[in-house]
Amino acid sequence: MAIRFTADQLSLLARWHRSGEFALNERNYKRAVHLFLGSVLRPPLIDDDAFPALLVKVLAGEATPNDVGLSKEDARFYEAWRTEEKGNLRKSMINLCGGGFGVPQLTWMPRAVEHDLGRPLQEAFQQLVTAAATDATLATGIDSFRTQMKSVQQELRRRGGFRPGWRVLAPTYPFIGMLMAAFDPKRFTFYSAGKLRTALQGVGAHWPRASGGASYVAVCSLVREACDALETAGISVGDLIDTQGLLYMLGSKREVPMTPSRTAAAREVRDDDPADTLARTILWPTESARRLLEVARRGKPLLFSGPPGTGKTFVARAAARAIALDDDHIEVVQFHPSYAYEDFMEGIRPLIGDQDGTIRYEIRPGVLRRVADDALADPESTFVLIIDEINRANLPRVLGEVLYCVEYRGKDGAIHLPYSGEDFVLPENVLIIGTMNTADRSIALVDAALRRRFLELSFPPNLDVLRRWWSEQNNAALGEDAAARLERLNAELRSRLDPHRLIGQTYLMDLHIAEEGFEPVWDWQLKPVLEEHLYAHPDDVDQLRKVFLRE
C-alpha cells in the first residue's frame, strides 16, 4: 500500500515543520550529530590512523568543529546551537540511541581504544560505511557490523576492560540508525521503532516483517517514500532528518490527525489492525483474537495448555508477530529433558581454536539473558520469548531463581547471576509465552509455583477452526465431515480417558485428506498417539478406529 497522508495530517505536519518548536526539539540536535559523526564516518577521517581517538572524542562530546573539518557555516550553526540552545552533543547522541538505554552504546568504545582495540573498531566502521553503497549490501553489512562489535566487546572483556555490571551487547538499531543517518541523511533515517511504526502505519504503510539489517533497510525505504510524499504535498523536508522528525511527532500525537472524519484512504489503515490480522491467521473470531492480545498486554507470562494438535505453538507464533515489532523481537526455544539453566540463563562454554592452541572458557548468555539485554537496549519495543513444550524440561533445574524475575520485573526483581556475578533484571517489555501439552505425562513437573505466575489459557480441540480451514480450501463439505469425525472420536475419548488427552483439530487440517481420505491420517498419526494413551487397552483402539472411520 502506498503512503498517503490525509489532508488533516498534512496540515498538522506543515504547521509543525514551520514552527520553532520543531527546529528546537527535532531538527537542530540531529543536524549537530550529523555534522560531527557524519564527518568522522566519511573519508578522509574514517581512514586516518587517528580515527579511533577522534571517534572517542566525538562520542564524548568533546570534539570541536576544527577536529572534524566543519565548514565555517556549519561551525557557526554548531556554536549557535551549543550556546543559544544549550545543545550538548553527547546527550543528543544518547537520546538518539534510546535515552538512558543508549549510554552503554557509547561508553564501551573509549575503553576499547584504551585497551589497544582501536584498529578492529575502525575496521568494523569502515566495513559498515562501505556496505552502505547499496541497500542490498547494507542489510548484510549491518548484520556483520553487529557481530564484529560484539567480538570487540568480548575481547575487551577478556583483556579486563569491562567495568562491573557491563554486558556484551550487540549494537541496537537506534544506534545503527544514528550512525547511518549521520553518514547520509538523504538515504538513511534515525530509528525510533515504536513511534515510527505508529506513524507509518497511520499513513498506510505496512511495517516490514524482515529481520536483521534488512528490517532497517526496509524502514529507510518507507521513510524515503514518506519524504517524497511530503515534498509532493509542498512540505520541503529536504532529507530524512526532517521526515523522521515529523513522523516521530505524528506517531506521538496520532490521535490528532486520525479523527473520525478521516478520508477513505486513511480508513484502509484498519487493514493493519493487529486483532484483525491475527484472527485471519489463526482462524479465530476477531473478538477472540482481540481478547488474546488484551490478555497479553497485562504483562504477566502466558501459558497455552491443551491436548496435542490444538494449535498452541502456531497461535503463540502468530500472537508474537502481532505484538512484536518484527521477527528480530521474537525468540523461540523448545525445552527438552536435556535443557539446562546454562542454556536458558548463562553458562561457561569452551572456546576452541585459540591462536596458541589452548582451550579457553568464557561465560555465554543463554536465550533469556539475550532477550532481556535486547529489551533493555530497546525499551520502546516489546520482545516475545516463546518457550515451546515448557513442561518437557526439568523446570526447577532450568529456571532456578528466574521465577522471581518473572514475577517481579525491573529493579525490584533483580537477581545475582552465579557465573558472571552480574545483576540480572527481566524488563517489563519482555512477554513470555509458554506452550504445554496436557497429554504429556511430564505435566506433573509443572508445579504450582510456576503456574501461579502465568496466565493459563486453555486450548481444547476447536471444531470451528477446522471448518474454517477447510472452507478456505474451498471444501466446506469435507470440513463438516472432518469436524463430525473429530467430535465423535473425542466424545469417546472423554468417556475412556480425560479432557487432557483428546485429539486436536490440526491432525485433520491436511490437504491429502481430500485425495486419500481419512484412513492414512488414522494409521500414521492418530493410531500411534492413541495406542500410547490406551496402552493397557488395545481393544479400545480398534473400537475408536471404527468410530472415527465409521466402519
Protein backbone atom coordinates (compact mmCIF):
# COMPACT_ATOMS: atom_id res chain seq x y z
CA MET A 1 0.00 0.00 0.00
CA ALA A 2 1.41 3.40 -1.00
CA ILE A 3 1.95 6.03 1.66
CA ARG A 4 -0.83 8.61 1.61
CA PHE A 5 -1.17 11.46 4.06
CA THR A 6 -4.65 12.79 4.78
CA ALA A 7 -5.43 16.49 4.44
CA ASP A 8 -5.62 16.76 8.25
CA GLN A 9 -2.25 15.12 8.64
CA LEU A 10 -0.58 17.32 6.02
CA SER A 11 -2.00 20.46 7.61
CA LEU A 12 -0.71 19.41 11.01
CA LEU A 13 2.73 18.41 9.69
CA ALA A 14 3.09 21.69 7.76
CA ARG A 15 2.40 23.68 10.94
CA TRP A 16 4.88 21.60 12.91
CA HIS A 17 7.55 21.94 10.23
CA ARG A 18 7.28 25.72 10.16
CA SER A 19 7.31 26.08 13.93
CA GLY A 20 10.29 26.98 16.04
CA GLU A 21 9.37 24.07 18.28
CA PHE A 22 10.21 21.61 15.51
CA ALA A 23 13.65 23.13 14.92
CA LEU A 24 14.33 23.22 18.66
CA ASN A 25 13.11 19.75 19.55
CA GLU A 26 13.73 17.74 16.39
CA ARG A 27 15.92 19.24 13.67
CA ASN A 28 18.81 21.08 15.27
CA TYR A 29 20.23 18.45 17.59
CA LYS A 30 20.02 15.81 14.87
CA ARG A 31 21.79 18.13 12.45
CA ALA A 32 24.57 18.63 15.01
CA VAL A 33 25.02 14.86 15.34
CA HIS A 34 25.03 14.55 11.54
CA LEU A 35 27.73 17.18 11.17
CA PHE A 36 30.13 15.69 13.71
CA LEU A 37 29.52 11.96 13.49
CA GLY A 38 28.93 12.06 9.74
CA SER A 39 32.26 13.82 9.18
CA VAL A 40 34.11 11.16 11.16
CA LEU A 41 32.45 8.35 9.18
CA ARG A 42 33.48 9.72 5.78
CA PRO A 43 36.91 9.87 4.12
CA PRO A 44 39.48 11.02 4.86
CA LEU A 45 38.81 10.82 8.62
CA ILE A 46 37.50 7.24 8.73
CA ASP A 47 40.67 6.01 7.00
CA ASP A 48 43.06 8.02 9.14
CA ASP A 49 45.15 6.32 11.82
CA ALA A 50 43.75 8.86 14.28
CA PHE A 51 40.16 7.67 13.67
CA PRO A 52 39.78 5.68 16.93
CA ALA A 53 40.90 8.61 19.08
CA LEU A 54 38.74 11.06 17.13
CA LEU A 55 35.71 8.75 17.40
CA VAL A 56 36.17 8.62 21.17
CA LYS A 57 36.38 12.41 21.26
CA VAL A 58 33.16 12.79 19.27
CA LEU A 59 31.28 10.21 21.36
CA ALA A 60 32.34 12.08 24.48
CA GLY A 61 31.00 15.33 23.01
CA GLU A 62 34.43 16.92 23.29
CA ALA A 63 35.31 17.35 19.60
CA THR A 64 35.50 20.82 18.09
CA PRO A 65 34.43 21.92 14.59
CA ASN A 66 38.11 22.09 13.62
CA ASP A 67 38.65 18.48 14.74
CA VAL A 68 36.18 17.18 12.16
CA GLY A 69 36.78 19.81 9.47
CA LEU A 70 33.41 21.59 9.53
CA SER A 71 32.86 24.46 7.10
CA LYS A 72 32.53 27.97 8.52
CA GLU A 73 28.76 27.90 8.00
CA ASP A 74 28.36 24.56 9.77
CA ALA A 75 30.70 25.64 12.55
CA ARG A 76 28.60 28.79 13.12
CA PHE A 77 25.43 26.70 13.28
CA TYR A 78 27.02 24.35 15.82
CA GLU A 79 28.29 27.16 18.03
CA ALA A 80 24.89 28.87 17.96
CA TRP A 81 23.16 25.60 18.82
CA ARG A 82 25.61 24.90 21.63
CA THR A 83 25.46 28.36 23.19
CA GLU A 84 21.96 29.66 22.46
CA GLU A 85 20.03 26.38 22.72
CA LYS A 86 22.38 24.86 25.33
CA GLY A 87 22.97 21.94 22.95
CA ASN A 88 25.02 19.00 24.17
CA LEU A 89 26.43 16.65 21.54
CA ARG A 90 26.88 13.64 23.81
CA LYS A 91 23.38 13.92 25.30
CA SER A 92 21.98 14.25 21.79
CA MET A 93 23.65 11.01 20.71
CA ILE A 94 22.46 9.23 23.85
CA ASN A 95 18.92 10.39 23.10
CA LEU A 96 19.11 9.06 19.54
CA CYS A 97 20.39 5.73 20.85
CA GLY A 98 17.43 5.24 23.18
CA GLY A 99 17.85 7.63 26.11
CA GLY A 100 19.34 6.09 29.23
CA PHE A 101 19.48 2.76 27.43
CA GLY A 102 21.73 4.36 24.82
CA VAL A 103 24.53 5.08 27.29
CA PRO A 104 26.12 1.59 27.05
CA GLN A 105 26.36 2.02 23.27
CA LEU A 106 28.75 4.94 23.74
CA THR A 107 30.69 4.07 26.89
CA TRP A 108 32.47 0.85 26.00
CA MET A 109 34.22 2.09 22.84
CA PRO A 110 36.55 4.52 24.65
CA ARG A 111 37.59 1.63 26.90
CA ALA A 112 38.25 -0.49 23.82
CA VAL A 113 40.56 2.17 22.41
CA GLU A 114 42.36 2.37 25.77
CA HIS A 115 42.97 -1.39 25.56
CA ASP A 116 44.50 -1.26 22.06
CA LEU A 117 41.34 -2.33 20.23
CA GLY A 118 41.07 0.82 18.13
CA ARG A 119 42.07 -0.92 14.92
CA PRO A 120 39.33 -3.63 14.94
CA LEU A 121 36.85 -0.88 15.87
CA GLN A 122 37.96 1.16 12.88
CA GLU A 123 37.71 -1.85 10.56
CA ALA A 124 34.13 -2.51 11.71
CA PHE A 125 33.09 1.08 10.97
CA GLN A 126 34.89 1.06 7.62
CA GLN A 127 33.11 -2.09 6.52
CA LEU A 128 29.76 -0.66 7.60
CA VAL A 129 30.05 2.54 5.57
CA THR A 130 31.44 0.59 2.60
CA ALA A 131 28.38 -1.67 2.75
CA ALA A 132 26.16 1.43 2.65
CA ALA A 133 26.87 1.80 -1.07
CA THR A 134 23.64 -0.12 -1.86
CA ASP A 135 20.63 -1.25 0.14
CA ALA A 136 21.37 -4.89 -0.65
CA THR A 137 24.91 -4.77 0.72
CA LEU A 138 23.90 -2.60 3.68
CA ALA A 139 21.49 -5.23 5.02
CA THR A 140 24.25 -7.82 5.34
CA GLY A 141 26.73 -5.12 6.33
CA ILE A 142 24.66 -4.18 9.36
CA ASP A 143 24.46 -7.80 10.47
CA SER A 144 28.23 -8.17 10.07
CA PHE A 145 28.83 -4.90 11.93
CA ARG A 146 26.79 -6.06 14.91
CA THR A 147 28.75 -9.32 15.02
CA GLN A 148 32.10 -7.51 14.75
CA MET A 149 31.22 -5.08 17.53
CA LYS A 150 30.23 -7.94 19.83
CA SER A 151 33.57 -9.62 19.08
CA VAL A 152 35.44 -6.45 20.04
CA GLN A 153 33.48 -6.29 23.30
CA GLN A 154 34.25 -9.93 24.07
CA GLU A 155 37.95 -9.27 23.51
CA LEU A 156 37.72 -6.16 25.69
CA ARG A 157 36.19 -8.25 28.46
CA ARG A 158 38.95 -10.85 28.06
CA ARG A 159 41.55 -8.11 28.44
CA GLY A 160 39.95 -6.91 31.66
CA GLY A 161 38.46 -3.74 30.19
CA PHE A 162 34.86 -4.35 31.28
CA ARG A 163 33.63 -2.37 34.24
CA PRO A 164 31.46 -4.06 36.91
CA GLY A 165 27.95 -4.74 35.61
CA TRP A 166 28.86 -4.44 31.93
CA ARG A 167 27.49 -6.97 29.44
CA VAL A 168 28.32 -7.82 25.84
CA LEU A 169 25.62 -6.09 23.80
CA ALA A 170 25.13 -6.07 20.05
CA PRO A 171 24.68 -2.52 18.71
CA THR A 172 21.00 -1.65 18.82
CA TYR A 173 19.12 -0.50 15.75
CA PRO A 174 18.64 3.02 17.19
CA PHE A 175 22.46 3.18 17.47
CA ILE A 176 22.90 1.91 13.91
CA GLY A 177 20.21 4.33 12.74
CA MET A 178 22.13 7.18 14.34
CA LEU A 179 25.32 6.16 12.52
CA MET A 180 23.67 5.74 9.15
CA ALA A 181 21.54 8.91 9.35
CA ALA A 182 24.63 10.87 10.37
CA PHE A 183 26.53 9.35 7.45
CA ASP A 184 23.90 10.09 4.77
CA PRO A 185 20.61 11.67 5.92
CA LYS A 186 19.19 11.68 2.41
CA ARG A 187 19.16 7.87 2.33
CA PHE A 188 19.07 6.72 5.93
CA THR A 189 16.90 7.52 8.91
CA PHE A 190 17.27 7.85 12.63
CA TYR A 191 15.40 4.95 14.18
CA SER A 192 12.82 5.04 16.96
CA ALA A 193 10.82 1.95 16.14
CA GLY A 194 7.73 2.45 18.27
CA LYS A 195 6.82 5.96 17.11
CA LEU A 196 7.96 5.32 13.53
CA ARG A 197 5.81 2.23 13.26
CA THR A 198 2.75 4.02 14.63
CA ALA A 199 3.19 6.96 12.25
CA LEU A 200 3.96 4.91 9.14
CA GLN A 201 1.03 2.58 9.70
CA GLY A 202 -1.10 5.67 10.24
CA VAL A 203 -0.35 6.79 6.67
CA GLY A 204 -0.98 3.43 5.05
CA ALA A 205 2.44 1.74 5.17
CA HIS A 206 2.96 -1.88 6.12
CA TRP A 207 5.72 -2.24 8.71
CA PRO A 208 8.34 -4.65 7.32
CA ARG A 209 8.46 -8.21 8.62
CA ALA A 210 12.09 -8.66 7.64
CA SER A 211 14.73 -9.39 10.26
CA GLY A 212 18.22 -8.12 10.96
CA GLY A 213 19.74 -5.40 8.83
CA ALA A 214 17.11 -6.00 6.16
CA SER A 215 14.48 -4.63 8.55
CA TYR A 216 16.32 -1.31 9.00
CA VAL A 217 16.90 -1.01 5.23
CA ALA A 218 13.18 -1.58 4.60
CA VAL A 219 12.26 1.09 7.16
CA CYS A 220 14.60 3.55 5.44
CA SER A 221 12.79 2.83 2.17
CA LEU A 222 9.44 3.65 3.81
CA VAL A 223 10.77 6.90 5.27
CA ARG A 224 12.16 7.90 1.86
CA GLU A 225 8.72 7.22 0.40
CA ALA A 226 7.19 9.42 3.11
CA CYS A 227 9.78 12.09 2.31
CA ASP A 228 8.76 12.05 -1.37
CA ALA A 229 5.07 12.24 -0.41
CA LEU A 230 5.69 15.25 1.84
CA GLU A 231 7.73 17.02 -0.84
CA THR A 232 4.98 16.39 -3.38
CA ALA A 233 2.48 17.91 -0.94
CA GLY A 234 4.59 21.07 -0.67
CA ILE A 235 6.36 20.41 2.66
CA SER A 236 10.05 20.94 1.90
CA VAL A 237 11.62 18.43 4.24
CA GLY A 238 14.75 18.07 2.11
CA ASP A 239 16.08 14.92 3.75
CA LEU A 240 15.18 12.15 6.19
CA ILE A 241 16.17 14.17 9.26
CA ASP A 242 13.09 16.35 8.96
CA THR A 243 10.98 13.48 7.61
CA GLN A 244 11.78 11.23 10.56
CA GLY A 245 11.23 14.13 12.95
CA LEU A 246 7.77 14.80 11.55
CA LEU A 247 6.89 11.10 11.61
CA TYR A 248 8.09 10.86 15.20
CA MET A 249 5.83 13.73 16.21
CA LEU A 250 2.96 12.22 14.23
CA GLY A 251 3.48 8.89 15.98
CA SER A 252 3.44 10.65 19.33
CA LYS A 253 0.21 12.53 18.53
CA ARG A 254 -1.60 10.07 16.33
CA GLU A 255 -5.00 10.91 17.80
CA VAL A 256 -4.88 14.43 16.35
CA PRO A 257 -4.90 13.61 12.61
CA MET A 258 -6.62 10.24 12.85
CA THR A 259 -10.09 11.64 13.54
CA PRO A 260 -13.46 10.05 12.66
CA SER A 261 -13.63 12.39 9.66
CA ARG A 262 -10.54 10.87 8.07
CA THR A 263 -10.63 10.11 4.36
CA ALA A 264 -11.25 6.77 2.69
CA ALA A 265 -7.52 6.38 2.13
CA ALA A 266 -6.90 6.59 5.86
CA ARG A 267 -9.63 4.07 6.59
CA GLU A 268 -7.56 1.47 4.76
CA VAL A 269 -5.19 1.55 7.72
CA ARG A 270 -7.69 -0.70 9.51
CA ASP A 271 -6.24 -3.49 7.39
CA ASP A 272 -3.28 -3.37 9.78
CA ASP A 273 -5.39 -3.80 12.91
CA PRO A 274 -3.38 -6.44 14.84
CA ALA A 275 -6.52 -8.23 16.05
CA ASP A 276 -7.93 -8.49 12.52
CA THR A 277 -4.63 -9.76 11.16
CA LEU A 278 -4.24 -12.26 14.00
CA ALA A 279 -7.82 -13.50 13.60
CA ARG A 280 -7.31 -14.13 9.88
CA THR A 281 -4.09 -16.01 10.57
CA ILE A 282 -5.33 -18.32 13.32
CA LEU A 283 -8.93 -18.58 12.03
CA TRP A 284 -10.44 -17.24 15.24
CA PRO A 285 -13.25 -14.69 15.55
CA THR A 286 -11.83 -11.17 15.66
CA GLU A 287 -13.11 -10.52 19.18
CA SER A 288 -11.42 -13.68 20.47
CA ALA A 289 -8.15 -12.61 18.87
CA ARG A 290 -8.54 -9.12 20.33
CA ARG A 291 -9.16 -10.61 23.77
CA LEU A 292 -5.98 -12.67 23.46
CA LEU A 293 -3.96 -9.54 22.69
CA GLU A 294 -5.56 -7.72 25.61
CA VAL A 295 -4.58 -10.53 27.96
CA ALA A 296 -1.02 -10.45 26.58
CA ARG A 297 -0.77 -6.73 27.39
CA ARG A 298 -1.38 -7.36 31.09
CA GLY A 299 2.32 -8.03 31.46
CA LYS A 300 2.17 -11.50 33.00
CA PRO A 301 3.56 -14.52 31.13
CA LEU A 302 1.06 -16.63 29.22
CA LEU A 303 0.74 -20.41 29.30
CA PHE A 304 -1.10 -22.05 26.41
CA SER A 305 -2.15 -25.52 27.59
CA GLY A 306 -4.09 -28.19 25.76
CA PRO A 307 -4.01 -31.58 24.04
CA PRO A 308 -1.69 -32.15 21.08
CA GLY A 309 -2.76 -30.71 17.77
CA THR A 310 -4.81 -27.79 19.12
CA GLY A 311 -2.59 -25.11 17.56
CA LYS A 312 -0.85 -23.83 20.69
CA THR A 313 2.54 -23.17 19.11
CA PHE A 314 1.01 -21.81 15.91
CA VAL A 315 -1.14 -19.34 17.84
CA ALA A 316 1.83 -18.38 20.04
CA ARG A 317 3.92 -17.54 16.97
CA ALA A 318 1.07 -15.64 15.33
CA ALA A 319 0.35 -13.69 18.52
CA ALA A 320 4.04 -12.85 18.85
CA ARG A 321 4.08 -11.43 15.32
CA ALA A 322 1.02 -9.33 16.14
CA ILE A 323 2.65 -7.96 19.30
CA ALA A 324 6.34 -7.60 18.42
CA LEU A 325 7.81 -5.04 16.08
CA ASP A 326 9.38 -7.62 13.75
CA ASP A 327 10.98 -11.05 13.78
CA ASP A 328 14.12 -9.67 15.45
CA HIS A 329 11.96 -9.09 18.52
CA ILE A 330 10.78 -12.71 18.70
CA GLU A 331 12.77 -15.64 20.07
CA VAL A 332 11.61 -19.27 20.10
CA VAL A 333 13.13 -22.02 22.20
CA GLN A 334 11.92 -25.57 22.78
CA PHE A 335 12.51 -27.18 26.14
CA HIS A 336 13.54 -30.84 26.35
CA PRO A 337 14.84 -33.16 29.08
CA SER A 338 18.48 -32.18 28.46
CA TYR A 339 17.82 -28.44 28.54
CA ALA A 340 19.61 -26.71 31.42
CA TYR A 341 19.99 -23.43 33.29
CA GLU A 342 23.20 -22.82 31.37
CA ASP A 343 21.23 -22.85 28.10
CA PHE A 344 18.48 -20.60 29.41
CA MET A 345 20.33 -18.02 31.54
CA GLU A 346 24.12 -18.25 31.25
CA GLY A 347 26.86 -20.83 31.41
CA ILE A 348 30.55 -21.48 30.92
CA ARG A 349 31.43 -22.77 27.47
CA PRO A 350 34.78 -23.80 25.91
CA LEU A 351 36.28 -21.61 23.20
CA ILE A 352 38.30 -23.88 20.92
CA GLY A 353 40.94 -22.92 18.38
CA ASP A 354 42.80 -20.09 20.08
CA GLN A 355 46.00 -18.94 18.37
CA ASP A 356 48.28 -20.65 20.88
CA GLY A 357 46.35 -23.92 20.64
CA THR A 358 44.85 -23.78 24.10
CA ILE A 359 41.22 -24.07 25.12
CA ARG A 360 39.72 -21.10 26.90
CA TYR A 361 36.41 -20.86 28.67
CA GLU A 362 34.01 -17.97 28.51
CA ILE A 363 30.68 -17.07 30.02
CA ARG A 364 27.99 -17.12 27.37
CA PRO A 365 24.49 -15.73 27.84
CA GLY A 366 21.53 -18.03 27.43
CA VAL A 367 18.38 -17.28 25.48
CA LEU A 368 16.54 -15.43 28.26
CA ARG A 369 19.50 -13.23 29.05
CA ARG A 370 19.99 -12.35 25.38
CA VAL A 371 16.34 -11.38 25.04
CA ALA A 372 16.48 -9.36 28.26
CA ASP A 373 19.60 -7.50 27.13
CA ASP A 374 17.99 -6.65 23.80
CA ALA A 375 14.86 -5.46 25.59
CA LEU A 376 16.85 -3.23 27.93
CA ALA A 377 18.54 -1.65 24.92
CA ASP A 378 15.21 -1.05 23.13
CA PRO A 379 12.68 -0.12 25.84
CA GLU A 380 10.09 1.23 23.39
CA SER A 381 9.55 -2.18 21.79
CA THR A 382 8.01 -5.40 23.06
CA PHE A 383 10.06 -8.58 22.85
CA VAL A 384 8.41 -12.00 22.88
CA LEU A 385 10.05 -15.21 24.09
CA ILE A 386 8.15 -18.38 23.16
CA ILE A 387 9.02 -21.45 25.23
CA ASP A 388 7.61 -24.41 23.37
CA GLU A 389 6.78 -27.54 25.37
CA ILE A 390 7.76 -25.84 28.60
CA ASN A 391 6.83 -28.88 30.68
CA ARG A 392 9.32 -31.24 28.98
CA ALA A 393 12.33 -29.82 30.83
CA ASN A 394 13.31 -30.19 34.46
CA LEU A 395 11.85 -26.80 35.29
CA PRO A 396 13.40 -26.22 38.74
CA ARG A 397 16.78 -27.06 37.20
CA VAL A 398 16.29 -24.82 34.16
CA LEU A 399 14.59 -21.82 35.72
CA GLY A 400 16.28 -21.62 39.10
CA GLU A 401 15.80 -18.16 40.55
CA VAL A 402 14.35 -16.84 37.29
CA LEU A 403 10.83 -17.33 38.66
CA TYR A 404 11.50 -14.39 40.96
CA CYS A 405 12.31 -12.18 37.96
CA VAL A 406 9.20 -13.36 36.14
CA GLU A 407 7.01 -12.20 39.00
CA TYR A 408 8.88 -9.02 39.92
CA ARG A 409 10.01 -7.15 36.83
CA GLY A 410 12.65 -4.43 36.63
CA LYS A 411 14.93 -3.49 39.50
CA ASP A 412 12.55 -4.89 42.11
CA GLY A 413 13.21 -8.35 40.70
CA ALA A 414 16.99 -8.11 40.32
CA ILE A 415 18.94 -11.31 40.98
CA HIS A 416 22.66 -12.04 41.17
CA LEU A 417 23.86 -14.45 38.49
CA PRO A 418 26.16 -17.25 39.67
CA TYR A 419 28.60 -17.41 36.74
CA SER A 420 29.17 -13.81 35.66
CA GLY A 421 28.46 -12.30 39.07
CA GLU A 422 26.35 -9.64 37.37
CA ASP A 423 22.91 -8.44 38.36
CA PHE A 424 20.05 -9.50 36.11
CA VAL A 425 16.62 -7.98 35.67
CA LEU A 426 13.80 -9.05 33.38
CA PRO A 427 12.45 -5.89 31.71
CA GLU A 428 8.74 -5.23 31.60
CA ASN A 429 8.81 -5.16 27.79
CA VAL A 430 9.52 -8.90 27.60
CA LEU A 431 6.48 -11.14 27.13
CA ILE A 432 6.94 -14.85 27.78
CA ILE A 433 4.56 -17.33 26.14
CA GLY A 434 4.86 -20.98 27.14
CA THR A 435 3.09 -23.90 25.50
CA MET A 436 2.24 -27.09 27.36
CA ASN A 437 0.96 -30.38 26.02
CA THR A 438 -1.51 -31.60 28.65
CA ALA A 439 -1.30 -35.16 27.33
CA ASP A 440 2.39 -35.33 28.25
CA ARG A 441 2.99 -37.28 31.45
CA SER A 442 5.67 -34.75 32.42
CA ILE A 443 2.91 -32.22 33.14
CA ALA A 444 3.20 -33.32 36.74
CA LEU A 445 6.53 -31.48 36.85
CA VAL A 446 4.84 -28.12 36.30
CA ASP A 447 4.44 -27.13 39.91
CA ALA A 448 2.14 -24.58 41.45
CA ALA A 449 4.96 -22.05 41.89
CA LEU A 450 5.33 -21.83 38.12
CA ARG A 451 1.67 -21.97 37.17
CA ARG A 452 0.58 -19.21 39.53
CA ARG A 453 3.00 -16.83 37.81
CA PHE A 454 1.45 -17.49 34.40
CA LEU A 455 -1.95 -16.65 32.98
CA GLU A 456 -3.09 -20.03 31.70
CA LEU A 457 -5.21 -20.16 28.56
CA SER A 458 -6.86 -23.46 27.70
CA PHE A 459 -6.72 -24.76 24.12
CA PRO A 460 -9.33 -27.51 23.66
CA PRO A 461 -9.98 -29.04 20.22
CA ASN A 462 -11.63 -26.36 18.07
CA LEU A 463 -14.09 -27.65 15.50
CA ASP A 464 -14.83 -24.14 14.20
CA VAL A 465 -11.17 -23.64 13.26
CA LEU A 466 -11.27 -26.97 11.44
CA ARG A 467 -14.38 -25.96 9.49
CA ARG A 468 -12.95 -22.53 8.62
CA TRP A 469 -9.71 -24.04 7.39
CA TRP A 470 -11.47 -26.42 5.01
CA SER A 471 -13.75 -23.59 3.85
CA GLU A 472 -10.63 -21.62 2.91
CA GLN A 473 -9.59 -24.64 0.84
CA ASN A 474 -12.96 -24.37 -0.96
CA ASN A 475 -14.14 -27.66 0.52
CA ALA A 476 -16.65 -26.80 3.25
CA ALA A 477 -18.39 -30.18 2.92
CA LEU A 478 -15.18 -32.04 3.76
CA GLY A 479 -14.71 -29.66 6.68
CA GLU A 480 -18.11 -30.64 8.08
CA ASP A 481 -17.25 -34.32 7.65
CA ALA A 482 -13.88 -33.87 9.40
CA ALA A 483 -15.48 -31.94 12.26
CA ALA A 484 -18.12 -34.64 12.75
CA ARG A 485 -15.49 -37.40 12.84
CA LEU A 486 -13.34 -35.49 15.33
CA GLU A 487 -16.33 -34.72 17.52
CA ARG A 488 -17.30 -38.42 17.69
CA LEU A 489 -13.74 -39.51 18.41
CA ASN A 490 -13.24 -37.00 21.21
CA ALA A 491 -16.60 -37.90 22.78
CA GLU A 492 -15.37 -41.48 23.07
CA LEU A 493 -12.00 -40.36 24.45
CA ARG A 494 -13.67 -38.28 27.16
CA SER A 495 -15.52 -41.34 28.37
CA ARG A 496 -12.40 -43.55 28.32
CA LEU A 497 -9.68 -41.07 29.35
CA ASP A 498 -9.96 -37.37 30.26
CA PRO A 499 -10.16 -33.95 28.52
CA HIS A 500 -6.37 -33.61 28.56
CA ARG A 501 -5.85 -36.46 26.09
CA LEU A 502 -8.23 -35.54 23.31
CA ILE A 503 -7.23 -35.13 19.66
CA GLY A 504 -6.69 -31.62 18.27
CA GLN A 505 -8.08 -30.28 15.02
CA THR A 506 -4.75 -29.79 13.25
CA TYR A 507 -4.43 -33.54 12.63
CA LEU A 508 -7.31 -33.16 10.17
CA MET A 509 -6.08 -29.93 8.54
CA ASP A 510 -4.27 -31.85 5.80
CA LEU A 511 -4.91 -31.35 2.09
CA HIS A 512 -4.04 -35.00 1.39
CA ILE A 513 -7.32 -35.98 3.04
CA ALA A 514 -9.22 -34.64 0.01
CA GLU A 515 -7.49 -37.21 -2.21
CA GLU A 516 -6.67 -40.08 0.14
CA GLY A 517 -9.48 -39.99 2.69
CA PHE A 518 -9.18 -40.25 6.47
CA GLU A 519 -7.62 -43.71 6.77
CA PRO A 520 -3.97 -42.59 6.29
CA VAL A 521 -4.47 -39.95 9.00
CA TRP A 522 -5.69 -42.66 11.34
CA ASP A 523 -2.91 -45.13 10.53
CA TRP A 524 0.03 -42.71 10.56
CA GLN A 525 -0.95 -40.07 13.10
CA LEU A 526 -3.92 -40.85 15.32
CA LYS A 527 -3.38 -44.56 15.96
CA PRO A 528 0.20 -44.16 17.37
CA VAL A 529 -0.97 -41.43 19.74
CA LEU A 530 -3.98 -43.37 20.96
CA GLU A 531 -2.00 -46.60 21.37
CA GLU A 532 0.22 -44.74 23.80
CA HIS A 533 -2.74 -43.30 25.69
CA LEU A 534 -4.52 -46.67 25.80
CA TYR A 535 -1.52 -48.98 26.05
CA ALA A 536 -3.34 -51.17 28.61
CA HIS A 537 -6.49 -51.37 26.48
CA PRO A 538 -5.54 -52.24 22.88
CA ASP A 539 -9.09 -53.30 22.05
CA ASP A 540 -10.25 -49.75 22.70
CA VAL A 541 -8.03 -48.50 19.88
CA ASP A 542 -9.76 -50.82 17.43
CA GLN A 543 -13.15 -49.59 18.60
CA LEU A 544 -12.05 -45.98 18.22
CA ARG A 545 -10.94 -46.70 14.68
CA LYS A 546 -14.46 -47.81 13.83
CA VAL A 547 -15.92 -44.68 15.44
CA PHE A 548 -13.56 -42.39 13.51
CA LEU A 549 -13.74 -44.13 10.12
CA ARG A 550 -17.42 -45.10 10.51
CA GLU A 551 -16.68 -48.73 9.70
